[in-house]
Each structure stands twice: as C-alpha cells, then as structure tokens.
N, C-alpha and C. Protein backbone atom coordinates (compact mmCIF):
# COMPACT_ATOMS: atom_id res chain seq x y z
N MET A 1 0.84 -1.17 0.00
CA MET A 1 0.00 0.00 0.00
C MET A 1 0.89 1.24 0.00
N LYS A 2 0.58 2.14 -0.90
CA LYS A 2 1.36 3.37 -1.00
C LYS A 2 0.77 4.42 -0.06
N ILE A 3 1.63 5.02 0.75
CA ILE A 3 1.19 6.04 1.71
C ILE A 3 0.96 7.35 0.95
N PRO A 4 -0.20 7.99 1.13
CA PRO A 4 -0.48 9.24 0.41
C PRO A 4 0.57 10.31 0.70
N TYR A 5 0.80 11.15 -0.28
CA TYR A 5 1.81 12.19 -0.18
C TYR A 5 1.54 13.13 0.99
N ALA A 6 0.27 13.47 1.23
CA ALA A 6 -0.08 14.40 2.31
C ALA A 6 0.40 13.90 3.67
N ILE A 7 0.45 12.59 3.86
CA ILE A 7 0.93 12.00 5.11
C ILE A 7 2.44 11.75 5.03
N ARG A 8 2.88 11.23 3.91
CA ARG A 8 4.29 10.87 3.73
C ARG A 8 5.21 12.08 3.88
N ARG A 9 4.76 13.26 3.45
CA ARG A 9 5.63 14.43 3.48
C ARG A 9 5.99 14.85 4.90
N TRP A 10 5.14 14.52 5.90
CA TRP A 10 5.42 14.90 7.28
C TRP A 10 6.52 14.06 7.90
N THR A 11 6.92 12.97 7.27
CA THR A 11 8.02 12.15 7.79
C THR A 11 9.37 12.73 7.43
N GLU A 12 9.38 13.73 6.56
CA GLU A 12 10.63 14.34 6.13
C GLU A 12 10.99 15.49 7.07
N TYR A 13 12.26 15.64 7.37
CA TYR A 13 12.75 16.67 8.28
C TYR A 13 12.37 18.07 7.81
N ALA A 14 12.40 18.30 6.51
CA ALA A 14 12.14 19.64 5.97
C ALA A 14 10.76 20.14 6.39
N GLU A 15 9.77 19.26 6.48
CA GLU A 15 8.43 19.69 6.89
C GLU A 15 8.40 20.14 8.34
N TRP A 16 9.14 19.50 9.20
CA TRP A 16 9.15 19.86 10.62
C TRP A 16 9.80 21.23 10.83
N ARG A 17 10.75 21.58 9.98
CA ARG A 17 11.40 22.89 10.09
C ARG A 17 10.40 24.02 9.88
N PHE A 18 9.38 23.78 9.08
CA PHE A 18 8.41 24.82 8.75
C PHE A 18 7.16 24.76 9.61
N LEU A 19 7.18 23.93 10.65
CA LEU A 19 6.01 23.80 11.52
C LEU A 19 5.65 25.14 12.17
N PHE A 20 6.64 25.89 12.64
CA PHE A 20 6.36 27.19 13.25
C PHE A 20 5.66 28.12 12.26
N ARG A 21 6.12 28.13 11.00
CA ARG A 21 5.49 28.97 9.99
C ARG A 21 4.03 28.60 9.79
N ARG A 22 3.76 27.32 9.80
CA ARG A 22 2.38 26.86 9.58
C ARG A 22 1.48 27.22 10.76
N VAL A 23 1.98 27.07 11.98
CA VAL A 23 1.19 27.43 13.16
C VAL A 23 0.96 28.94 13.17
N ARG A 24 2.03 29.72 12.94
CA ARG A 24 1.90 31.17 12.87
C ARG A 24 0.93 31.55 11.76
N GLY A 25 1.04 30.88 10.62
CA GLY A 25 0.17 31.15 9.48
C GLY A 25 -1.30 30.93 9.80
N PHE A 26 -1.60 29.95 10.64
CA PHE A 26 -2.97 29.69 11.05
C PHE A 26 -3.57 30.93 11.72
N PHE A 27 -2.82 31.55 12.60
CA PHE A 27 -3.31 32.72 13.32
C PHE A 27 -3.34 33.97 12.42
N VAL A 28 -2.32 34.13 11.60
CA VAL A 28 -2.29 35.27 10.69
C VAL A 28 -3.45 35.19 9.70
N ARG A 29 -3.75 34.00 9.21
CA ARG A 29 -4.88 33.82 8.29
C ARG A 29 -6.19 34.22 8.96
N GLY A 30 -6.33 33.90 10.23
CA GLY A 30 -7.53 34.30 10.97
C GLY A 30 -7.61 35.80 11.15
N TRP A 31 -6.47 36.46 11.22
CA TRP A 31 -6.44 37.90 11.44
C TRP A 31 -6.63 38.69 10.15
N GLN A 32 -5.90 38.32 9.08
CA GLN A 32 -5.96 39.09 7.85
C GLN A 32 -6.56 38.35 6.67
N GLY A 33 -6.92 37.08 6.83
CA GLY A 33 -7.58 36.32 5.76
C GLY A 33 -6.65 35.55 4.85
N TRP A 34 -5.36 35.76 4.95
CA TRP A 34 -4.38 35.04 4.13
C TRP A 34 -3.02 35.13 4.83
N THR A 35 -2.09 34.28 4.41
CA THR A 35 -0.73 34.33 4.94
C THR A 35 0.25 34.34 3.77
N ASP A 36 1.51 34.59 4.09
CA ASP A 36 2.52 34.54 3.04
C ASP A 36 2.62 33.14 2.44
N LEU A 37 2.28 32.12 3.21
CA LEU A 37 2.31 30.74 2.69
C LEU A 37 1.26 30.54 1.60
N ASP A 38 0.13 31.26 1.69
CA ASP A 38 -0.94 31.13 0.71
C ASP A 38 -0.54 31.69 -0.65
N THR A 39 0.40 32.62 -0.67
CA THR A 39 0.77 33.25 -1.93
C THR A 39 1.69 32.38 -2.78
N TRP A 40 2.16 31.26 -2.23
CA TRP A 40 2.99 30.36 -3.02
C TRP A 40 2.20 29.84 -4.21
N SER A 41 0.96 29.52 -4.00
CA SER A 41 0.07 29.07 -5.07
C SER A 41 -1.27 29.76 -4.86
N LEU A 42 -1.26 31.06 -5.03
CA LEU A 42 -2.44 31.87 -4.74
C LEU A 42 -3.64 31.45 -5.57
N ASP A 43 -3.41 31.04 -6.81
CA ASP A 43 -4.52 30.61 -7.65
C ASP A 43 -5.24 29.40 -7.06
N ALA A 44 -4.48 28.43 -6.56
CA ALA A 44 -5.09 27.24 -5.95
C ALA A 44 -5.80 27.60 -4.65
N TYR A 45 -5.21 28.49 -3.86
CA TYR A 45 -5.82 28.92 -2.60
C TYR A 45 -7.16 29.62 -2.85
N ILE A 46 -7.18 30.56 -3.79
CA ILE A 46 -8.42 31.27 -4.12
C ILE A 46 -9.45 30.30 -4.70
N SER A 47 -9.02 29.38 -5.55
CA SER A 47 -9.95 28.41 -6.14
C SER A 47 -10.58 27.53 -5.07
N LYS A 48 -9.78 27.13 -4.08
CA LYS A 48 -10.30 26.30 -2.99
C LYS A 48 -11.36 27.06 -2.19
N ILE A 49 -11.09 28.34 -1.90
CA ILE A 49 -12.06 29.16 -1.17
C ILE A 49 -13.33 29.34 -1.99
N LEU A 50 -13.18 29.62 -3.29
CA LEU A 50 -14.34 29.82 -4.15
C LEU A 50 -15.17 28.55 -4.27
N ALA A 51 -14.52 27.41 -4.38
CA ALA A 51 -15.26 26.15 -4.50
C ALA A 51 -16.15 25.93 -3.29
N GLY A 52 -15.61 26.09 -2.10
CA GLY A 52 -16.41 25.91 -0.89
C GLY A 52 -17.47 26.99 -0.73
N GLY A 53 -17.09 28.25 -1.03
CA GLY A 53 -18.04 29.35 -0.89
C GLY A 53 -19.19 29.26 -1.87
N LEU A 54 -18.92 28.89 -3.11
CA LEU A 54 -19.99 28.76 -4.11
C LEU A 54 -20.93 27.62 -3.76
N ARG A 55 -20.38 26.52 -3.26
CA ARG A 55 -21.23 25.40 -2.84
C ARG A 55 -22.14 25.82 -1.69
N HIS A 56 -21.59 26.54 -0.73
CA HIS A 56 -22.39 27.03 0.40
C HIS A 56 -23.45 28.02 -0.07
N LEU A 57 -23.08 28.90 -0.97
CA LEU A 57 -24.03 29.89 -1.49
C LEU A 57 -25.17 29.21 -2.24
N ALA A 58 -24.88 28.16 -3.00
CA ALA A 58 -25.93 27.45 -3.73
C ALA A 58 -26.94 26.84 -2.77
N GLU A 59 -26.49 26.38 -1.62
CA GLU A 59 -27.38 25.76 -0.64
C GLU A 59 -28.12 26.78 0.21
N ASN A 60 -27.60 28.02 0.32
CA ASN A 60 -28.16 29.02 1.22
C ASN A 60 -28.53 30.33 0.53
N LYS A 61 -28.80 30.28 -0.76
CA LYS A 61 -29.10 31.51 -1.50
C LYS A 61 -30.52 31.99 -1.19
N HIS A 62 -30.74 33.29 -1.40
CA HIS A 62 -32.07 33.86 -1.19
C HIS A 62 -32.56 34.60 -2.42
N GLY A 63 -31.92 34.40 -3.53
CA GLY A 63 -32.31 35.08 -4.76
C GLY A 63 -31.45 34.61 -5.91
N CYS A 64 -31.55 35.33 -7.01
CA CYS A 64 -30.76 35.02 -8.18
C CYS A 64 -30.57 36.30 -8.98
N PRO A 65 -29.62 36.33 -9.91
CA PRO A 65 -29.44 37.51 -10.73
C PRO A 65 -30.69 37.79 -11.57
N SER A 66 -30.91 39.04 -11.87
CA SER A 66 -32.11 39.40 -12.64
C SER A 66 -32.14 38.72 -14.00
N ASP A 67 -30.97 38.49 -14.60
CA ASP A 67 -30.92 37.79 -15.90
C ASP A 67 -31.61 36.43 -15.80
N PHE A 68 -31.29 35.70 -14.76
CA PHE A 68 -31.86 34.36 -14.58
C PHE A 68 -33.36 34.44 -14.37
N TYR A 69 -33.81 35.40 -13.57
CA TYR A 69 -35.23 35.51 -13.26
C TYR A 69 -36.03 35.99 -14.47
N GLU A 70 -35.50 36.96 -15.21
CA GLU A 70 -36.21 37.50 -16.38
C GLU A 70 -36.34 36.46 -17.48
N LEU A 71 -35.32 35.65 -17.66
CA LEU A 71 -35.34 34.65 -18.73
C LEU A 71 -36.15 33.40 -18.36
N HIS A 72 -36.12 33.01 -17.09
CA HIS A 72 -36.67 31.70 -16.70
C HIS A 72 -37.76 31.78 -15.64
N GLY A 73 -38.07 32.95 -15.14
CA GLY A 73 -39.08 33.08 -14.08
C GLY A 73 -38.61 32.42 -12.80
N GLU A 74 -39.53 31.74 -12.13
CA GLU A 74 -39.19 31.08 -10.86
C GLU A 74 -38.13 29.99 -11.03
N ALA A 75 -38.07 29.39 -12.21
CA ALA A 75 -37.05 28.36 -12.47
C ALA A 75 -35.65 28.96 -12.45
N GLY A 76 -35.54 30.28 -12.57
CA GLY A 76 -34.25 30.94 -12.53
C GLY A 76 -33.52 30.72 -11.23
N HIS A 77 -34.27 30.57 -10.13
CA HIS A 77 -33.64 30.32 -8.83
C HIS A 77 -32.91 28.98 -8.83
N GLU A 78 -33.57 27.97 -9.38
CA GLU A 78 -32.95 26.64 -9.43
C GLU A 78 -31.77 26.63 -10.42
N LEU A 79 -31.93 27.32 -11.54
CA LEU A 79 -30.83 27.41 -12.51
C LEU A 79 -29.63 28.14 -11.93
N TRP A 80 -29.88 29.15 -11.10
CA TRP A 80 -28.79 29.87 -10.43
C TRP A 80 -28.04 28.93 -9.48
N ALA A 81 -28.77 28.12 -8.75
CA ALA A 81 -28.14 27.15 -7.85
C ALA A 81 -27.30 26.16 -8.65
N GLN A 82 -27.82 25.70 -9.78
CA GLN A 82 -27.05 24.78 -10.63
C GLN A 82 -25.80 25.46 -11.18
N TRP A 83 -25.93 26.72 -11.56
CA TRP A 83 -24.78 27.48 -12.07
C TRP A 83 -23.71 27.58 -10.99
N LEU A 84 -24.11 27.91 -9.76
CA LEU A 84 -23.16 28.02 -8.65
C LEU A 84 -22.46 26.70 -8.40
N LEU A 85 -23.21 25.59 -8.41
CA LEU A 85 -22.61 24.27 -8.17
C LEU A 85 -21.66 23.87 -9.30
N GLU A 86 -22.03 24.23 -10.52
CA GLU A 86 -21.15 23.92 -11.65
C GLU A 86 -19.82 24.66 -11.51
N LYS A 87 -19.88 25.94 -11.19
CA LYS A 87 -18.65 26.72 -11.01
C LYS A 87 -17.85 26.21 -9.82
N ALA A 88 -18.55 25.81 -8.75
CA ALA A 88 -17.87 25.24 -7.58
C ALA A 88 -17.09 23.99 -7.98
N GLY A 89 -17.70 23.16 -8.82
CA GLY A 89 -17.02 21.96 -9.30
C GLY A 89 -15.77 22.28 -10.10
N TRP A 90 -15.85 23.29 -10.95
CA TRP A 90 -14.69 23.70 -11.74
C TRP A 90 -13.58 24.24 -10.85
N PHE A 91 -13.92 25.08 -9.87
CA PHE A 91 -12.89 25.62 -8.99
C PHE A 91 -12.29 24.53 -8.11
N LYS A 92 -13.09 23.55 -7.71
CA LYS A 92 -12.57 22.43 -6.94
C LYS A 92 -11.59 21.62 -7.80
N TRP A 93 -11.97 21.39 -9.04
CA TRP A 93 -11.08 20.67 -9.96
C TRP A 93 -9.75 21.41 -10.08
N TYR A 94 -9.82 22.72 -10.25
CA TYR A 94 -8.59 23.52 -10.41
C TYR A 94 -7.74 23.46 -9.14
N ALA A 95 -8.38 23.62 -7.98
CA ALA A 95 -7.64 23.62 -6.72
C ALA A 95 -7.02 22.26 -6.41
N ASP A 96 -7.77 21.19 -6.66
CA ASP A 96 -7.27 19.84 -6.38
C ASP A 96 -6.21 19.39 -7.37
N ASP A 97 -6.28 19.89 -8.60
CA ASP A 97 -5.35 19.51 -9.66
C ASP A 97 -5.28 17.99 -9.76
N SER A 98 -6.44 17.34 -9.68
CA SER A 98 -6.49 15.88 -9.62
C SER A 98 -6.01 15.20 -10.89
N ASP A 99 -6.03 15.90 -12.01
CA ASP A 99 -5.49 15.29 -13.23
C ASP A 99 -4.30 16.08 -13.76
N GLY A 100 -3.67 16.81 -12.87
CA GLY A 100 -2.55 17.65 -13.26
C GLY A 100 -1.24 17.18 -12.70
N THR A 101 -0.59 18.01 -11.92
CA THR A 101 0.79 17.72 -11.53
C THR A 101 1.01 17.55 -10.04
N LEU A 102 -0.03 17.59 -9.22
CA LEU A 102 0.16 17.51 -7.77
C LEU A 102 0.25 16.08 -7.25
N GLY A 103 1.03 15.89 -6.22
CA GLY A 103 1.04 14.66 -5.43
C GLY A 103 1.26 13.39 -6.21
N ASP A 104 0.49 12.36 -5.86
CA ASP A 104 0.66 11.03 -6.43
C ASP A 104 -0.05 10.84 -7.77
N THR A 105 -0.84 11.83 -8.22
CA THR A 105 -1.65 11.64 -9.42
C THR A 105 -1.06 12.32 -10.64
N ASN A 106 0.17 12.79 -10.55
CA ASN A 106 0.68 13.59 -11.66
C ASN A 106 0.89 12.78 -12.92
N TRP A 107 0.86 13.49 -14.04
CA TRP A 107 1.05 12.83 -15.32
C TRP A 107 2.50 12.84 -15.75
N ILE A 108 3.37 13.36 -14.93
CA ILE A 108 4.80 13.29 -15.23
C ILE A 108 5.40 12.21 -14.33
N ASP A 109 4.81 11.06 -14.34
CA ASP A 109 5.23 9.92 -13.53
C ASP A 109 6.09 9.02 -14.40
N SER A 110 7.26 8.66 -13.91
CA SER A 110 8.18 7.85 -14.72
C SER A 110 7.64 6.45 -15.00
N ASP A 111 6.67 5.99 -14.22
CA ASP A 111 6.10 4.66 -14.45
C ASP A 111 5.10 4.63 -15.60
N LEU A 112 4.63 5.77 -16.03
CA LEU A 112 3.65 5.83 -17.11
C LEU A 112 4.34 5.68 -18.47
N SER A 113 3.60 5.10 -19.39
CA SER A 113 4.14 5.01 -20.75
C SER A 113 4.11 6.40 -21.38
N GLU A 114 4.90 6.58 -22.41
CA GLU A 114 4.97 7.88 -23.09
C GLU A 114 3.60 8.26 -23.66
N GLU A 115 2.90 7.28 -24.22
CA GLU A 115 1.58 7.55 -24.80
C GLU A 115 0.59 8.00 -23.72
N GLU A 116 0.64 7.36 -22.55
CA GLU A 116 -0.27 7.72 -21.47
C GLU A 116 0.04 9.12 -20.94
N ARG A 117 1.31 9.44 -20.82
CA ARG A 117 1.68 10.80 -20.38
C ARG A 117 1.18 11.85 -21.36
N ILE A 118 1.38 11.61 -22.63
CA ILE A 118 0.93 12.56 -23.65
C ILE A 118 -0.59 12.68 -23.63
N ARG A 119 -1.29 11.55 -23.47
CA ARG A 119 -2.75 11.57 -23.41
C ARG A 119 -3.22 12.41 -22.23
N ARG A 120 -2.60 12.22 -21.07
CA ARG A 120 -2.98 12.97 -19.87
C ARG A 120 -2.68 14.45 -20.02
N ILE A 121 -1.53 14.77 -20.60
CA ILE A 121 -1.17 16.18 -20.80
C ILE A 121 -2.17 16.86 -21.72
N LYS A 122 -2.52 16.20 -22.82
CA LYS A 122 -3.48 16.78 -23.76
C LYS A 122 -4.86 16.94 -23.13
N ALA A 123 -5.29 15.95 -22.36
CA ALA A 123 -6.59 16.05 -21.69
C ALA A 123 -6.60 17.20 -20.69
N HIS A 124 -5.51 17.34 -19.95
CA HIS A 124 -5.40 18.43 -18.99
C HIS A 124 -5.38 19.79 -19.70
N GLN A 125 -4.65 19.89 -20.78
CA GLN A 125 -4.58 21.14 -21.52
C GLN A 125 -5.93 21.50 -22.12
N THR A 126 -6.67 20.52 -22.60
CA THR A 126 -8.00 20.76 -23.15
C THR A 126 -8.93 21.29 -22.07
N LYS A 127 -8.88 20.67 -20.90
CA LYS A 127 -9.73 21.11 -19.81
C LYS A 127 -9.32 22.50 -19.31
N MET A 128 -8.03 22.78 -19.26
CA MET A 128 -7.56 24.11 -18.86
C MET A 128 -8.01 25.18 -19.87
N THR A 129 -7.99 24.84 -21.14
CA THR A 129 -8.46 25.78 -22.17
C THR A 129 -9.93 26.08 -21.97
N GLN A 130 -10.72 25.06 -21.68
CA GLN A 130 -12.15 25.28 -21.42
C GLN A 130 -12.33 26.12 -20.16
N PHE A 131 -11.56 25.84 -19.12
CA PHE A 131 -11.65 26.61 -17.87
C PHE A 131 -11.32 28.09 -18.12
N ASN A 132 -10.26 28.36 -18.86
CA ASN A 132 -9.83 29.73 -19.11
C ASN A 132 -10.73 30.49 -20.09
N ASN A 133 -11.23 29.81 -21.11
CA ASN A 133 -11.97 30.49 -22.17
C ASN A 133 -13.48 30.47 -22.01
N VAL A 134 -14.00 29.56 -21.20
CA VAL A 134 -15.46 29.46 -21.03
C VAL A 134 -15.88 29.71 -19.59
N VAL A 135 -15.30 28.97 -18.66
CA VAL A 135 -15.73 29.02 -17.27
C VAL A 135 -15.41 30.37 -16.63
N LEU A 136 -14.17 30.82 -16.71
CA LEU A 136 -13.78 32.08 -16.07
C LEU A 136 -14.53 33.30 -16.62
N PRO A 137 -14.66 33.46 -17.94
CA PRO A 137 -15.44 34.61 -18.43
C PRO A 137 -16.89 34.58 -17.96
N ASP A 138 -17.50 33.41 -17.92
CA ASP A 138 -18.87 33.29 -17.42
C ASP A 138 -18.94 33.63 -15.93
N PHE A 139 -17.93 33.20 -15.18
CA PHE A 139 -17.87 33.50 -13.75
C PHE A 139 -17.74 35.01 -13.52
N VAL A 140 -16.88 35.65 -14.30
CA VAL A 140 -16.67 37.09 -14.16
C VAL A 140 -17.96 37.85 -14.48
N LYS A 141 -18.72 37.35 -15.44
CA LYS A 141 -19.98 38.01 -15.81
C LYS A 141 -20.94 38.12 -14.62
N TYR A 142 -20.95 37.12 -13.76
CA TYR A 142 -21.87 37.11 -12.62
C TYR A 142 -21.16 37.32 -11.28
N PHE A 143 -19.92 37.79 -11.31
CA PHE A 143 -19.15 37.97 -10.10
C PHE A 143 -19.85 38.90 -9.09
N ALA A 144 -20.45 39.96 -9.58
CA ALA A 144 -21.12 40.93 -8.69
C ALA A 144 -22.41 40.37 -8.08
N HIS A 145 -22.85 39.21 -8.54
CA HIS A 145 -24.09 38.60 -8.03
C HIS A 145 -23.83 37.54 -6.97
N LEU A 146 -22.61 37.44 -6.50
CA LEU A 146 -22.27 36.41 -5.50
C LEU A 146 -22.57 36.92 -4.11
N TRP A 147 -23.82 37.02 -3.81
CA TRP A 147 -24.27 37.45 -2.49
C TRP A 147 -25.33 36.48 -2.00
N ASP A 148 -25.53 36.47 -0.74
CA ASP A 148 -26.48 35.55 -0.12
C ASP A 148 -27.89 36.10 -0.19
C-alpha cells in the first residue's frame, strides 16, 4: 500500500522545520484572511475558497441575478443554484489539480508510458483551455451577483 503524499511528506525533516510557519500562518490567516504561505500558489488557494463558498451559497441563497429571473421566471432560482454548483465543481477541480501535476496523481510519472503521459497532458490542456476560455469569463460576468 502506497502512503499518500499528504501523510508521507510529514516524515521528512524539511516539513518539521516549517512547523512554526504553519502554526503562525494559522493565526495570521484568521487575522488578515491570508498568509505569506498562501501566496505560493495563490490561484489554488483562491480556487479552494471559491469552491467551498460557491457550494455554500448554492445551498443558502435567497435570490438570483435578474438575468436568470427574467429569462426563466421562478425556475431561474434553481438554474442559479445549478450554475453556482457547476462553477464550484470547476474551482474544486482547479484547486485539487487531480489530473494535473500535484502529489501522487501527476502525469509526469516515470512509471507511465509515453503515450499515457501525452494523453494525460493533452486532456489536462483541453480542460484548462475550457476553464480559461469558457468558465472564467462566465464566472466574471456574474461575479457581482455572488451574495447571499
């Protein structure tokens, strides 16, 4: 059985050296909302927050954008919830990088065949293109409507 990277990394001395930074970061994040550690991969940090926040908003919303209501009437409320959940899924995918380069699931694994690596890279690039060209512009369009 292979030990997951999230657990395995704590057995290395280098992780223990940064324990103080992580504990301090916990308190600083509570005070100012972010820490210097979060800026290492700020895109993943923001995506993780958005994924959870959008999911919560979909479950606890009290309205929808006027576009949704004018086009669909009362069904606009349900469509807004679906839109929020869809975007939450995309941001979770981006933050987890489950088919990208993080942890044990990366596609730059020496055990993979060359064809499999190329297939994974192309699939990831296709999904990233869709995220950048379709999902993000649609998200920006309704950014001002992310209220409870």
